[in-house]
Amino acid sequence: MAGKRSTSIPSKTNARRNTKVGCKAMAPTSFALPKQKKYRIDDAAHARNALARVAQHGTPAQKATVRKAVAKKYPSINVSGAPKKTRKR
């Protein structure tokens, strides 16, 4: 079947969230900066992306707030930016 792609169709819920209207309808707890509805952290992928974006464009206060919010919601994500140490065998 040349020319056809195998794509996964996102769920309707996720597709709605990826629009301006959908983001406005999301709960403020889904964002690291809830008053401004910035830096979405409703899942681990968005939390990692929020850390990357705030590192590029955020103020020092925003960086601290986003890191704190991500660390609280996702303790398994490394928020310091340093690579995790692994044990040698």
C-alpha atoms as a PDB file:
ATOM      1  CA  MET A   1       0.000   0.000   0.000  1.00  0.00           C
ATOM      2  CA  ALA A   2       2.248   2.734  -1.237  1.00  0.00           C
ATOM      3  CA  GLY A   3       1.455   6.235  -0.137  1.00  0.00           C
ATOM      4  CA  LYS A   4      -0.569   5.303   2.933  1.00  0.00           C
ATOM      5  CA  ARG A   5       0.715   6.081   6.363  1.00  0.00           C
ATOM      6  CA  SER A   6       0.049   4.192   9.493  1.00  0.00           C
ATOM      7  CA  THR A   7      -0.918   6.839  12.009  1.00  0.00           C
ATOM      8  CA  SER A   8      -2.514   6.558  15.353  1.00  0.00           C
ATOM      9  CA  ILE A   9      -5.517   8.750  15.830  1.00  0.00           C
ATOM     10  CA  PRO A  10      -5.427  10.630  19.122  1.00  0.00           C
ATOM     11  CA  SER A  11      -8.336  10.267  21.447  1.00  0.00           C
ATOM     12  CA  LYS A  12     -10.998  12.934  21.182  1.00  0.00           C
ATOM     13  CA  THR A  13     -10.139  14.186  24.641  1.00  0.00           C
ATOM     14  CA  ASN A  14      -6.462  14.735  23.819  1.00  0.00           C
ATOM     15  CA  ALA A  15      -7.311  16.253  20.437  1.00  0.00           C
ATOM     16  CA  ARG A  16      -9.562  18.793  22.140  1.00  0.00           C
ATOM     17  CA  ARG A  17      -6.874  19.692  24.661  1.00  0.00           C
ATOM     18  CA  ASN A  18      -4.438  20.578  21.897  1.00  0.00           C
ATOM     19  CA  THR A  19      -6.512  23.566  20.802  1.00  0.00           C
ATOM     20  CA  LYS A  20      -6.756  27.032  22.325  1.00  0.00           C
ATOM     21  CA  VAL A  21     -10.332  26.429  23.363  1.00  0.00           C
ATOM     22  CA  GLY A  22      -9.428  23.045  24.815  1.00  0.00           C
ATOM     23  CA  CYS A  23      -6.564  24.463  26.877  1.00  0.00           C
ATOM     24  CA  LYS A  24      -8.834  27.173  28.241  1.00  0.00           C
ATOM     25  CA  ALA A  25     -11.263  24.489  29.394  1.00  0.00           C
ATOM     26  CA  MET A  26      -8.548  22.515  31.214  1.00  0.00           C
ATOM     27  CA  ALA A  27      -8.268  22.698  34.979  1.00  0.00           C
ATOM     28  CA  PRO A  28      -5.699  25.154  36.329  1.00  0.00           C
ATOM     29  CA  THR A  29      -3.992  22.265  38.128  1.00  0.00           C
ATOM     30  CA  SER A  30      -2.910  20.986  34.708  1.00  0.00           C
ATOM     31  CA  PHE A  31      -0.442  23.861  34.441  1.00  0.00           C
ATOM     32  CA  ALA A  32       2.736  24.698  36.358  1.00  0.00           C
ATOM     33  CA  LEU A  33       1.737  28.381  36.344  1.00  0.00           C
ATOM     34  CA  PRO A  34      -2.035  28.069  36.846  1.00  0.00           C
ATOM     35  CA  LYS A  35      -2.932  31.782  36.925  1.00  0.00           C
ATOM     36  CA  GLN A  36      -1.360  32.319  33.509  1.00  0.00           C
ATOM     37  CA  LYS A  37      -2.204  28.787  32.266  1.00  0.00           C
ATOM     38  CA  LYS A  38       1.385  28.325  31.142  1.00  0.00           C
ATOM     39  CA  TYR A  39       3.603  25.249  31.033  1.00  0.00           C
ATOM     40  CA  ARG A  40       1.153  22.365  30.795  1.00  0.00           C
ATOM     41  CA  ILE A  41       1.990  19.407  33.066  1.00  0.00           C
ATOM     42  CA  ASP A  42      -1.063  17.167  32.784  1.00  0.00           C
ATOM     43  CA  ASP A  43       1.094  14.195  31.753  1.00  0.00           C
ATOM     44  CA  ALA A  44       4.766  13.259  31.972  1.00  0.00           C
ATOM     45  CA  ALA A  45       5.579  14.198  28.371  1.00  0.00           C
ATOM     46  CA  HIS A  46       4.136  17.685  28.803  1.00  0.00           C
ATOM     47  CA  ALA A  47       5.941  18.032  32.139  1.00  0.00           C
ATOM     48  CA  ARG A  48       9.287  17.288  30.485  1.00  0.00           C
ATOM     49  CA  ASN A  49       8.454  19.741  27.733  1.00  0.00           C
ATOM     50  CA  ALA A  50       7.522  22.396  30.310  1.00  0.00           C
ATOM     51  CA  LEU A  51      10.937  21.996  31.941  1.00  0.00           C
ATOM     52  CA  ALA A  52      12.654  22.435  28.581  1.00  0.00           C
ATOM     53  CA  ARG A  53      10.593  25.475  27.576  1.00  0.00           C
ATOM     54  CA  VAL A  54      10.959  27.261  30.917  1.00  0.00           C
ATOM     55  CA  ALA A  55      14.708  26.658  30.747  1.00  0.00           C
ATOM     56  CA  GLN A  56      14.748  28.459  27.388  1.00  0.00           C
ATOM     57  CA  HIS A  57      12.293  31.273  27.990  1.00  0.00           C
ATOM     58  CA  GLY A  58      11.400  31.527  31.663  1.00  0.00           C
ATOM     59  CA  THR A  59      12.510  33.906  34.366  1.00  0.00           C
ATOM     60  CA  PRO A  60      14.405  32.485  37.361  1.00  0.00           C
ATOM     61  CA  ALA A  61      11.200  32.655  39.423  1.00  0.00           C
ATOM     62  CA  GLN A  62       9.239  30.782  36.746  1.00  0.00           C
ATOM     63  CA  LYS A  63      11.978  28.156  36.484  1.00  0.00           C
ATOM     64  CA  ALA A  64      11.822  27.505  40.223  1.00  0.00           C
ATOM     65  CA  THR A  65       8.019  27.311  40.198  1.00  0.00           C
ATOM     66  CA  VAL A  66       7.869  24.924  37.240  1.00  0.00           C
ATOM     67  CA  ARG A  67      10.574  22.670  38.677  1.00  0.00           C
ATOM     68  CA  LYS A  68       8.748  22.536  42.005  1.00  0.00           C
ATOM     69  CA  ALA A  69       5.394  21.730  40.351  1.00  0.00           C
ATOM     70  CA  VAL A  70       6.889  18.996  38.147  1.00  0.00           C
ATOM     71  CA  ALA A  71       8.827  17.460  41.057  1.00  0.00           C
ATOM     72  CA  LYS A  72       5.667  17.368  43.159  1.00  0.00           C
ATOM     73  CA  LYS A  73       3.463  15.815  40.474  1.00  0.00           C
ATOM     74  CA  TYR A  74       6.094  13.532  38.879  1.00  0.00           C
ATOM     75  CA  PRO A  75       8.788  12.548  41.410  1.00  0.00           C
ATOM     76  CA  SER A  76      10.430  10.218  38.871  1.00  0.00           C
ATOM     77  CA  ILE A  77      11.342  13.098  36.530  1.00  0.00           C
ATOM     78  CA  ASN A  78      14.775  14.623  37.087  1.00  0.00           C
ATOM     79  CA  VAL A  79      14.126  18.364  37.470  1.00  0.00           C
ATOM     80  CA  SER A  80      17.680  19.484  38.219  1.00  0.00           C
ATOM     81  CA  GLY A  81      18.857  19.122  34.630  1.00  0.00           C
ATOM     82  CA  ALA A  82      21.823  16.972  35.660  1.00  0.00           C
ATOM     83  CA  PRO A  83      21.956  13.405  34.329  1.00  0.00           C
ATOM     84  CA  LYS A  84      21.063  10.706  36.806  1.00  0.00           C
ATOM     85  CA  LYS A  85      23.972   8.755  38.235  1.00  0.00           C
ATOM     86  CA  THR A  86      23.996   5.070  37.479  1.00  0.00           C
ATOM     87  CA  ARG A  87      25.688   2.389  39.502  1.00  0.00           C
ATOM     88  CA  LYS A  88      28.564   0.497  37.957  1.00  0.00           C
ATOM     89  CA  ARG A  89      28.290  -3.251  38.048  1.00  0.00           C
END
